[in-house]
């Protein structure tokens, strides 16, 4: 597998299509690596061999395997609170088992990291949900560590200081962050550039995504995702800040909620932008 350069440009993509065709399309857009998302209803049994063969045939490094869960809904903030990640009590056991299975799947592919949205972590450390999720994250970290993996939580649903406090409380060396600057804007949780000063030492991977703040006066509304460079993140400032804090990992374009042709156009444009900014 080819070695990654500093700030290598990759793409976040999803399982479901033919692995070889998928990777060839990503390479045609200019991607040098990728993060593979696994939908909640994707059948893991028997799937690793096809992905492993395609990744090796195309010499395409896979930096992260992302877990999503059946029943998650990102319609608005209250719905996210009820359905996403480890927070909903009714689905914790099955989602923990699924995350362990994702870790095993990632190990079969040689991916060094797994990641997911944990959901809205309560600020009150005595909250039963906080305690339960903390212990759950510790167990997932320990399982991932058995494969030599990091376990990354994605930013966005809580302010940087709350996430940092949670990291310190979990106290696992392989717990890391997949930093998504747009999510912090979409959820209204804080300025992503400032958040890098707080969380930078824990960042293992980055999403290159853009968006606008939630509309004023609309309770529970999320912001709107935009093509890279057309939202409120300020990608020039973001990439410059990553360089300043010494981040040397990958920049993974993520573009959601678009038709395939638009997705390809937006991802291609994003890769061109990042190629200029990282120089």
C-alpha atoms as a PDB file:
ATOM      1  CA  UNK A   1       0.000   0.000   0.000  1.00  0.00           C
ATOM      2  CA  UNK A   2       1.330   3.438  -0.918  1.00  0.00           C
ATOM      3  CA  UNK A   3       2.554   5.734   1.844  1.00  0.00           C
ATOM      4  CA  UNK A   4       0.435   8.763   2.701  1.00  0.00           C
ATOM      5  CA  UNK A   5       1.867  12.254   2.476  1.00  0.00           C
ATOM      6  CA  UNK A   6       1.173  14.984   5.027  1.00  0.00           C
ATOM      7  CA  UNK A   7      -2.364  16.357   4.544  1.00  0.00           C
ATOM      8  CA  UNK A   8      -3.126  13.652   1.979  1.00  0.00           C
ATOM      9  CA  UNK A   9      -6.504  14.338   0.372  1.00  0.00           C
ATOM     10  CA  UNK A  10      -9.086  11.600   0.715  1.00  0.00           C
ATOM     11  CA  UNK A  11     -12.827  11.094   0.466  1.00  0.00           C
ATOM     12  CA  UNK A  12     -15.482   9.824   2.864  1.00  0.00           C
ATOM     13  CA  UNK A  13     -17.541   7.225   0.990  1.00  0.00           C
ATOM     14  CA  UNK A  14     -20.049   4.488   1.787  1.00  0.00           C
ATOM     15  CA  UNK A  15     -20.201   0.738   1.309  1.00  0.00           C
ATOM     16  CA  UNK A  16     -23.018  -0.591  -0.835  1.00  0.00           C
ATOM     17  CA  UNK A  17     -21.615  -0.468  -4.364  1.00  0.00           C
ATOM     18  CA  UNK A  18     -19.023  -2.697  -6.005  1.00  0.00           C
ATOM     19  CA  UNK A  19     -15.766  -2.122  -4.097  1.00  0.00           C
ATOM     20  CA  UNK A  20     -13.456  -2.015  -7.132  1.00  0.00           C
ATOM     21  CA  UNK A  21     -15.695   0.367  -9.095  1.00  0.00           C
ATOM     22  CA  UNK A  22     -16.073   2.589  -6.032  1.00  0.00           C
ATOM     23  CA  UNK A  23     -12.342   2.915  -5.423  1.00  0.00           C
ATOM     24  CA  UNK A  24     -11.577   3.529  -9.070  1.00  0.00           C
ATOM     25  CA  UNK A  25     -14.123   6.347  -9.112  1.00  0.00           C
ATOM     26  CA  UNK A  26     -12.545   7.930  -6.022  1.00  0.00           C
ATOM     27  CA  UNK A  27      -9.089   7.771  -7.610  1.00  0.00           C
ATOM     28  CA  UNK A  28     -10.434   9.316 -10.825  1.00  0.00           C
ATOM     29  CA  UNK A  29     -11.581  12.307  -8.759  1.00  0.00           C
ATOM     30  CA  UNK A  30      -8.073  12.744  -7.351  1.00  0.00           C
ATOM     31  CA  UNK A  31      -8.426  11.036  -3.966  1.00  0.00           C
ATOM     32  CA  UNK A  32      -5.306   9.460  -2.506  1.00  0.00           C
ATOM     33  CA  UNK A  33      -7.041   7.644   0.363  1.00  0.00           C
ATOM     34  CA  UNK A  34     -10.462   7.214   1.915  1.00  0.00           C
ATOM     35  CA  UNK A  35     -12.740   6.682   4.877  1.00  0.00           C
ATOM     36  CA  UNK A  36     -15.281   3.898   4.442  1.00  0.00           C
ATOM     37  CA  UNK A  37     -18.720   4.364   5.978  1.00  0.00           C
ATOM     38  CA  UNK A  38     -20.751   1.284   6.885  1.00  0.00           C
ATOM     39  CA  UNK A  39     -24.545   1.800   6.862  1.00  0.00           C
ATOM     40  CA  UNK A  40     -26.454   0.343   9.776  1.00  0.00           C
ATOM     41  CA  UNK A  41     -28.150  -2.257   7.597  1.00  0.00           C
ATOM     42  CA  UNK A  42     -24.988  -3.317   5.735  1.00  0.00           C
ATOM     43  CA  UNK A  43     -24.257  -7.035   6.134  1.00  0.00           C
ATOM     44  CA  UNK A  44     -20.695  -7.403   7.373  1.00  0.00           C
ATOM     45  CA  UNK A  45     -20.489 -11.183   7.062  1.00  0.00           C
ATOM     46  CA  UNK A  46     -18.411 -12.099   4.050  1.00  0.00           C
ATOM     47  CA  UNK A  47     -17.919  -8.478   2.923  1.00  0.00           C
ATOM     48  CA  UNK A  48     -14.344  -7.921   4.081  1.00  0.00           C
ATOM     49  CA  UNK A  49     -12.668 -10.069   1.430  1.00  0.00           C
ATOM     50  CA  UNK A  50     -14.066  -8.096  -1.503  1.00  0.00           C
ATOM     51  CA  UNK A  51     -13.083  -4.762   0.005  1.00  0.00           C
ATOM     52  CA  UNK A  52      -9.634  -5.996   0.996  1.00  0.00           C
ATOM     53  CA  UNK A  53      -8.950  -7.303  -2.521  1.00  0.00           C
ATOM     54  CA  UNK A  54     -10.100  -4.035  -4.127  1.00  0.00           C
ATOM     55  CA  UNK A  55      -8.067  -1.853  -1.772  1.00  0.00           C
ATOM     56  CA  UNK A  56      -4.941  -3.910  -2.409  1.00  0.00           C
ATOM     57  CA  UNK A  57      -5.480  -4.087  -6.166  1.00  0.00           C
ATOM     58  CA  UNK A  58      -5.799  -0.298  -6.402  1.00  0.00           C
ATOM     59  CA  UNK A  59      -3.169   0.424  -3.721  1.00  0.00           C
ATOM     60  CA  UNK A  60      -5.715   2.671  -2.011  1.00  0.00           C
ATOM     61  CA  UNK A  61      -5.099   3.330   1.707  1.00  0.00           C
ATOM     62  CA  UNK A  62      -8.125   3.140   3.985  1.00  0.00           C
ATOM     63  CA  UNK A  63      -7.622   5.404   6.987  1.00  0.00           C
ATOM     64  CA  UNK A  64     -10.920   4.928   8.845  1.00  0.00           C
ATOM     65  CA  UNK A  65     -13.980   2.703   8.935  1.00  0.00           C
ATOM     66  CA  UNK A  66     -17.056   4.619  10.108  1.00  0.00           C
ATOM     67  CA  UNK A  67     -19.997   2.993  11.863  1.00  0.00           C
ATOM     68  CA  UNK A  68     -23.554   4.189  11.365  1.00  0.00           C
ATOM     69  CA  UNK A  69     -26.533   2.565  13.049  1.00  0.00           C
ATOM     70  CA  UNK A  70     -30.005   1.528  11.962  1.00  0.00           C
ATOM     71  CA  UNK A  71     -32.593   3.966  13.290  1.00  0.00           C
ATOM     72  CA  UNK A  72     -30.383   7.069  13.336  1.00  0.00           C
ATOM     73  CA  UNK A  73     -32.097  10.216  12.045  1.00  0.00           C
ATOM     74  CA  UNK A  74     -30.465  13.611  11.461  1.00  0.00           C
ATOM     75  CA  UNK A  75     -33.634  15.574  10.649  1.00  0.00           C
ATOM     76  CA  UNK A  76     -33.122  18.163  13.419  1.00  0.00           C
ATOM     77  CA  UNK A  77     -31.357  18.512  16.760  1.00  0.00           C
ATOM     78  CA  UNK A  78     -34.113  16.951  18.945  1.00  0.00           C
ATOM     79  CA  UNK A  79     -34.276  13.959  16.591  1.00  0.00           C
ATOM     80  CA  UNK A  80     -30.501  13.566  16.700  1.00  0.00           C
ATOM     81  CA  UNK A  81     -30.642  13.617  20.498  1.00  0.00           C
ATOM     82  CA  UNK A  82     -33.231  10.816  20.490  1.00  0.00           C
ATOM     83  CA  UNK A  83     -31.746   8.541  17.835  1.00  0.00           C
ATOM     84  CA  UNK A  84     -28.029   8.979  17.191  1.00  0.00           C
ATOM     85  CA  UNK A  85     -25.064   7.071  18.526  1.00  0.00           C
ATOM     86  CA  UNK A  86     -24.630   5.608  21.998  1.00  0.00           C
ATOM     87  CA  UNK A  87     -26.967   7.955  23.848  1.00  0.00           C
ATOM     88  CA  UNK A  88     -30.385   6.251  23.310  1.00  0.00           C
ATOM     89  CA  UNK A  89     -30.549   3.619  26.105  1.00  0.00           C
ATOM     90  CA  UNK A  90     -32.780   1.157  24.231  1.00  0.00           C
ATOM     91  CA  UNK A  91     -30.239   0.565  21.451  1.00  0.00           C
ATOM     92  CA  UNK A  92     -26.980   0.672  23.404  1.00  0.00           C
ATOM     93  CA  UNK A  93     -26.366  -3.064  23.662  1.00  0.00           C
ATOM     94  CA  UNK A  94     -26.945  -3.783  19.971  1.00  0.00           C
ATOM     95  CA  UNK A  95     -24.940  -0.725  18.909  1.00  0.00           C
ATOM     96  CA  UNK A  96     -22.020  -1.690  21.099  1.00  0.00           C
ATOM     97  CA  UNK A  97     -22.021  -5.157  19.555  1.00  0.00           C
ATOM     98  CA  UNK A  98     -22.200  -3.618  16.082  1.00  0.00           C
ATOM     99  CA  UNK A  99     -19.261  -1.330  16.880  1.00  0.00           C
ATOM    100  CA  UNK A 100     -17.148  -4.285  17.997  1.00  0.00           C
ATOM    101  CA  UNK A 101     -18.065  -6.012  14.717  1.00  0.00           C
ATOM    102  CA  UNK A 102     -17.063  -2.878  12.769  1.00  0.00           C
ATOM    103  CA  UNK A 103     -13.723  -2.939  14.587  1.00  0.00           C
ATOM    104  CA  UNK A 104     -13.210  -6.565  13.564  1.00  0.00           C
ATOM    105  CA  UNK A 105     -14.191  -5.702   9.973  1.00  0.00           C
ATOM    106  CA  UNK A 106     -11.749  -2.775   9.925  1.00  0.00           C
ATOM    107  CA  UNK A 107      -8.996  -5.030  11.248  1.00  0.00           C
ATOM    108  CA  UNK A 108      -9.593  -7.447   8.366  1.00  0.00           C
ATOM    109  CA  UNK A 109      -9.085  -4.528   5.963  1.00  0.00           C
ATOM    110  CA  UNK A 110      -6.003  -3.238   7.765  1.00  0.00           C
ATOM    111  CA  UNK A 111      -7.657   0.076   8.669  1.00  0.00           C
ATOM    112  CA  UNK A 112      -5.933   1.770  11.615  1.00  0.00           C
ATOM    113  CA  UNK A 113      -9.016   3.526  13.002  1.00  0.00           C
ATOM    114  CA  UNK A 114     -12.757   3.198  13.533  1.00  0.00           C
ATOM    115  CA  UNK A 115     -15.069   6.155  14.135  1.00  0.00           C
ATOM    116  CA  UNK A 116     -18.667   7.185  14.734  1.00  0.00           C
ATOM    117  CA  UNK A 117     -21.003   9.817  16.143  1.00  0.00           C
ATOM    118  CA  UNK A 118     -21.460   9.052  19.843  1.00  0.00           C
ATOM    119  CA  UNK A 119     -24.435  11.436  20.058  1.00  0.00           C
ATOM    120  CA  UNK A 120     -25.001  14.350  22.430  1.00  0.00           C
ATOM    121  CA  UNK A 121     -22.794  13.671  25.455  1.00  0.00           C
ATOM    122  CA  UNK A 122     -24.432  15.200  28.571  1.00  0.00           C
ATOM    123  CA  UNK A 123     -22.479  17.984  30.253  1.00  0.00           C
ATOM    124  CA  UNK A 124     -23.420  16.667  33.717  1.00  0.00           C
ATOM    125  CA  UNK A 125     -20.883  13.941  34.534  1.00  0.00           C
ATOM    126  CA  UNK A 126     -23.272  12.458  37.106  1.00  0.00           C
ATOM    127  CA  UNK A 127     -26.025  11.987  34.521  1.00  0.00           C
ATOM    128  CA  UNK A 128     -26.736   8.221  34.185  1.00  0.00           C
ATOM    129  CA  UNK A 129     -26.507   8.531  30.410  1.00  0.00           C
ATOM    130  CA  UNK A 130     -23.079  10.149  30.698  1.00  0.00           C
ATOM    131  CA  UNK A 131     -21.819   7.366  32.980  1.00  0.00           C
ATOM    132  CA  UNK A 132     -23.226   4.591  30.785  1.00  0.00           C
ATOM    133  CA  UNK A 133     -21.796   6.049  27.580  1.00  0.00           C
ATOM    134  CA  UNK A 134     -18.415   6.695  29.219  1.00  0.00           C
ATOM    135  CA  UNK A 135     -18.184   3.031  30.203  1.00  0.00           C
ATOM    136  CA  UNK A 136     -19.357   1.947  26.755  1.00  0.00           C
ATOM    137  CA  UNK A 137     -16.696   4.069  25.061  1.00  0.00           C
ATOM    138  CA  UNK A 138     -14.044   2.593  27.362  1.00  0.00           C
ATOM    139  CA  UNK A 139     -15.070  -0.933  26.330  1.00  0.00           C
ATOM    140  CA  UNK A 140     -15.020  -0.042  22.625  1.00  0.00           C
ATOM    141  CA  UNK A 141     -11.608   1.583  23.051  1.00  0.00           C
ATOM    142  CA  UNK A 142     -10.267  -1.547  24.694  1.00  0.00           C
ATOM    143  CA  UNK A 143     -11.626  -3.759  21.915  1.00  0.00           C
ATOM    144  CA  UNK A 144     -10.207  -1.456  19.232  1.00  0.00           C
ATOM    145  CA  UNK A 145      -6.860  -1.473  21.041  1.00  0.00           C
ATOM    146  CA  UNK A 146      -6.756  -5.258  20.709  1.00  0.00           C
ATOM    147  CA  UNK A 147      -6.541  -4.637  16.938  1.00  0.00           C
ATOM    148  CA  UNK A 148      -4.054  -1.773  17.318  1.00  0.00           C
ATOM    149  CA  UNK A 149      -6.761   0.714  16.308  1.00  0.00           C
ATOM    150  CA  UNK A 150      -7.731   4.165  17.444  1.00  0.00           C
ATOM    151  CA  UNK A 151     -11.397   4.860  18.145  1.00  0.00           C
ATOM    152  CA  UNK A 152     -12.410   8.323  16.948  1.00  0.00           C
ATOM    153  CA  UNK A 153     -15.474  10.300  17.962  1.00  0.00           C
ATOM    154  CA  UNK A 154     -16.702  12.852  15.458  1.00  0.00           C
ATOM    155  CA  UNK A 155     -17.068  16.486  16.527  1.00  0.00           C
ATOM    156  CA  UNK A 156     -20.144  18.619  16.228  1.00  0.00           C
ATOM    157  CA  UNK A 157     -22.805  17.778  18.741  1.00  0.00           C
ATOM    158  CA  UNK A 158     -21.231  19.343  21.797  1.00  0.00           C
ATOM    159  CA  UNK A 159     -18.881  22.289  22.469  1.00  0.00           C
ATOM    160  CA  UNK A 160     -15.161  21.541  22.348  1.00  0.00           C
ATOM    161  CA  UNK A 161     -14.714  21.936  26.119  1.00  0.00           C
ATOM    162  CA  UNK A 162     -17.443  19.364  26.828  1.00  0.00           C
ATOM    163  CA  UNK A 163     -15.852  16.850  24.467  1.00  0.00           C
ATOM    164  CA  UNK A 164     -12.414  17.452  25.987  1.00  0.00           C
ATOM    165  CA  UNK A 165     -13.776  16.824  29.491  1.00  0.00           C
ATOM    166  CA  UNK A 166     -15.332  13.568  28.286  1.00  0.00           C
ATOM    167  CA  UNK A 167     -12.006  12.478  26.744  1.00  0.00           C
ATOM    168  CA  UNK A 168     -10.186  13.143  29.982  1.00  0.00           C
ATOM    169  CA  UNK A 169     -12.813  11.179  31.917  1.00  0.00           C
ATOM    170  CA  UNK A 170     -12.743   8.171  29.560  1.00  0.00           C
ATOM    171  CA  UNK A 171      -8.946   8.101  29.953  1.00  0.00           C
ATOM    172  CA  UNK A 172      -8.027   5.770  27.099  1.00  0.00           C
ATOM    173  CA  UNK A 173      -4.902   6.511  25.012  1.00  0.00           C
ATOM    174  CA  UNK A 174      -6.466   5.286  21.754  1.00  0.00           C
ATOM    175  CA  UNK A 175      -9.574   7.486  22.029  1.00  0.00           C
ATOM    176  CA  UNK A 176      -9.220  10.144  19.356  1.00  0.00           C
ATOM    177  CA  UNK A 177     -11.205  12.693  17.309  1.00  0.00           C
ATOM    178  CA  UNK A 178     -12.355  12.808  13.721  1.00  0.00           C
ATOM    179  CA  UNK A 179     -12.631  16.587  13.442  1.00  0.00           C
ATOM    180  CA  UNK A 180     -15.496  17.835  11.272  1.00  0.00           C
ATOM    181  CA  UNK A 181     -15.504  21.661  11.177  1.00  0.00           C
ATOM    182  CA  UNK A 182     -18.851  21.907   9.410  1.00  0.00           C
ATOM    183  CA  UNK A 183     -20.634  19.865  12.073  1.00  0.00           C
ATOM    184  CA  UNK A 184     -19.746  22.415  14.737  1.00  0.00           C
ATOM    185  CA  UNK A 185     -21.378  25.071  12.594  1.00  0.00           C
ATOM    186  CA  UNK A 186     -24.383  22.952  11.586  1.00  0.00           C
ATOM    187  CA  UNK A 187     -25.140  22.189  15.239  1.00  0.00           C
ATOM    188  CA  UNK A 188     -24.245  25.683  16.422  1.00  0.00           C
ATOM    189  CA  UNK A 189     -21.788  24.243  18.945  1.00  0.00           C
ATOM    190  CA  UNK A 190     -18.871  26.622  18.420  1.00  0.00           C
ATOM    191  CA  UNK A 191     -16.273  28.063  16.094  1.00  0.00           C
ATOM    192  CA  UNK A 192     -14.310  25.147  14.596  1.00  0.00           C
ATOM    193  CA  UNK A 193     -11.079  27.097  14.230  1.00  0.00           C
ATOM    194  CA  UNK A 194     -11.092  27.969  17.931  1.00  0.00           C
ATOM    195  CA  UNK A 195     -12.055  24.376  18.786  1.00  0.00           C
ATOM    196  CA  UNK A 196      -8.860  23.091  17.216  1.00  0.00           C
ATOM    197  CA  UNK A 197      -6.888  24.923  19.913  1.00  0.00           C
ATOM    198  CA  UNK A 198      -8.830  22.933  22.521  1.00  0.00           C
ATOM    199  CA  UNK A 199      -8.970  19.527  20.828  1.00  0.00           C
ATOM    200  CA  UNK A 200      -6.025  19.529  18.432  1.00  0.00           C
ATOM    201  CA  UNK A 201      -3.848  17.045  20.315  1.00  0.00           C
ATOM    202  CA  UNK A 202      -6.588  14.412  20.071  1.00  0.00           C
ATOM    203  CA  UNK A 203      -7.327  14.787  16.343  1.00  0.00           C
ATOM    204  CA  UNK A 204      -6.418  11.718  14.283  1.00  0.00           C
ATOM    205  CA  UNK A 205      -8.416  12.501  11.126  1.00  0.00           C
ATOM    206  CA  UNK A 206     -10.338  15.365   9.557  1.00  0.00           C
ATOM    207  CA  UNK A 207     -13.436  15.831   7.458  1.00  0.00           C
ATOM    208  CA  UNK A 208     -13.236  18.589   4.874  1.00  0.00           C
ATOM    209  CA  UNK A 209     -16.855  19.712   4.912  1.00  0.00           C
ATOM    210  CA  UNK A 210     -18.579  23.091   4.848  1.00  0.00           C
ATOM    211  CA  UNK A 211     -21.885  24.551   5.963  1.00  0.00           C
ATOM    212  CA  UNK A 212     -23.879  27.488   7.261  1.00  0.00           C
ATOM    213  CA  UNK A 213     -25.058  28.200  10.812  1.00  0.00           C
ATOM    214  CA  UNK A 214     -28.608  27.230  11.870  1.00  0.00           C
ATOM    215  CA  UNK A 215     -31.285  29.820  11.057  1.00  0.00           C
ATOM    216  CA  UNK A 216     -31.913  32.298  13.850  1.00  0.00           C
ATOM    217  CA  UNK A 217     -35.113  31.900  15.823  1.00  0.00           C
ATOM    218  CA  UNK A 218     -35.866  28.338  14.652  1.00  0.00           C
ATOM    219  CA  UNK A 219     -35.600  26.095  17.704  1.00  0.00           C
ATOM    220  CA  UNK A 220     -33.881  22.769  17.110  1.00  0.00           C
ATOM    221  CA  UNK A 221     -32.986  23.499  13.495  1.00  0.00           C
ATOM    222  CA  UNK A 222     -29.711  22.377  11.990  1.00  0.00           C
ATOM    223  CA  UNK A 223     -27.615  24.478   9.648  1.00  0.00           C
ATOM    224  CA  UNK A 224     -27.262  23.712   5.947  1.00  0.00           C
ATOM    225  CA  UNK A 225     -24.367  21.837   4.368  1.00  0.00           C
ATOM    226  CA  UNK A 226     -22.660  23.628   1.477  1.00  0.00           C
ATOM    227  CA  UNK A 227     -20.067  22.679  -1.151  1.00  0.00           C
ATOM    228  CA  UNK A 228     -16.560  23.040   0.214  1.00  0.00           C
ATOM    229  CA  UNK A 229     -15.465  26.659   0.242  1.00  0.00           C
ATOM    230  CA  UNK A 230     -19.006  28.023   0.007  1.00  0.00           C
ATOM    231  CA  UNK A 231     -20.028  27.854   3.679  1.00  0.00           C
ATOM    232  CA  UNK A 232     -19.084  29.500   6.948  1.00  0.00           C
ATOM    233  CA  UNK A 233     -16.093  27.323   7.908  1.00  0.00           C
ATOM    234  CA  UNK A 234     -13.460  29.349   6.054  1.00  0.00           C
ATOM    235  CA  UNK A 235     -11.419  26.519   4.561  1.00  0.00           C
ATOM    236  CA  UNK A 236      -8.320  28.639   4.090  1.00  0.00           C
ATOM    237  CA  UNK A 237      -8.291  29.467   7.820  1.00  0.00           C
ATOM    238  CA  UNK A 238      -9.104  25.863   8.702  1.00  0.00           C
ATOM    239  CA  UNK A 239      -6.259  24.323   6.711  1.00  0.00           C
ATOM    240  CA  UNK A 240      -3.871  27.017   7.930  1.00  0.00           C
ATOM    241  CA  UNK A 241      -4.862  26.226  11.535  1.00  0.00           C
ATOM    242  CA  UNK A 242      -4.293  22.510  10.984  1.00  0.00           C
ATOM    243  CA  UNK A 243      -0.784  23.287   9.770  1.00  0.00           C
ATOM    244  CA  UNK A 244      -0.204  25.593  12.742  1.00  0.00           C
ATOM    245  CA  UNK A 245      -1.094  22.935  15.324  1.00  0.00           C
ATOM    246  CA  UNK A 246       1.106  20.376  13.573  1.00  0.00           C
ATOM    247  CA  UNK A 247      -1.606  18.130  12.157  1.00  0.00           C
ATOM    248  CA  UNK A 248      -0.135  15.814   9.515  1.00  0.00           C
ATOM    249  CA  UNK A 249      -3.040  13.450   8.900  1.00  0.00           C
ATOM    250  CA  UNK A 250      -5.514  13.205   6.053  1.00  0.00           C
ATOM    251  CA  UNK A 251      -8.073  15.713   4.752  1.00  0.00           C
ATOM    252  CA  UNK A 252     -11.159  13.697   3.835  1.00  0.00           C
ATOM    253  CA  UNK A 253     -13.807  15.374   1.710  1.00  0.00           C
ATOM    254  CA  UNK A 254     -17.327  14.644   2.936  1.00  0.00           C
ATOM    255  CA  UNK A 255     -20.362  15.707   0.907  1.00  0.00           C
ATOM    256  CA  UNK A 256     -23.807  14.515   1.945  1.00  0.00           C
ATOM    257  CA  UNK A 257     -27.347  14.759   0.634  1.00  0.00           C
ATOM    258  CA  UNK A 258     -26.645  15.164  -3.090  1.00  0.00           C
ATOM    259  CA  UNK A 259     -27.396  13.142  -6.217  1.00  0.00           C
ATOM    260  CA  UNK A 260     -24.483  11.094  -7.614  1.00  0.00           C
ATOM    261  CA  UNK A 261     -23.592  13.485 -10.432  1.00  0.00           C
ATOM    262  CA  UNK A 262     -23.648  16.484  -8.102  1.00  0.00           C
ATOM    263  CA  UNK A 263     -21.649  14.539  -5.528  1.00  0.00           C
ATOM    264  CA  UNK A 264     -18.912  13.824  -8.048  1.00  0.00           C
ATOM    265  CA  UNK A 265     -18.824  17.454  -9.164  1.00  0.00           C
ATOM    266  CA  UNK A 266     -18.689  18.786  -5.602  1.00  0.00           C
ATOM    267  CA  UNK A 267     -16.046  16.281  -4.495  1.00  0.00           C
ATOM    268  CA  UNK A 268     -13.887  17.032  -7.529  1.00  0.00           C
ATOM    269  CA  UNK A 269     -14.136  20.761  -6.834  1.00  0.00           C
ATOM    270  CA  UNK A 270     -13.330  20.182  -3.149  1.00  0.00           C
ATOM    271  CA  UNK A 271     -10.209  18.175  -3.997  1.00  0.00           C
ATOM    272  CA  UNK A 272      -9.015  20.983  -6.288  1.00  0.00           C
ATOM    273  CA  UNK A 273      -9.566  23.522  -3.500  1.00  0.00           C
ATOM    274  CA  UNK A 274      -7.738  21.446  -0.894  1.00  0.00           C
ATOM    275  CA  UNK A 275      -4.857  20.807  -3.278  1.00  0.00           C
ATOM    276  CA  UNK A 276      -4.331  24.584  -3.494  1.00  0.00           C
ATOM    277  CA  UNK A 277      -4.762  25.188   0.230  1.00  0.00           C
ATOM    278  CA  UNK A 278      -2.392  22.498   1.452  1.00  0.00           C
ATOM    279  CA  UNK A 279       0.465  23.618  -0.803  1.00  0.00           C
END
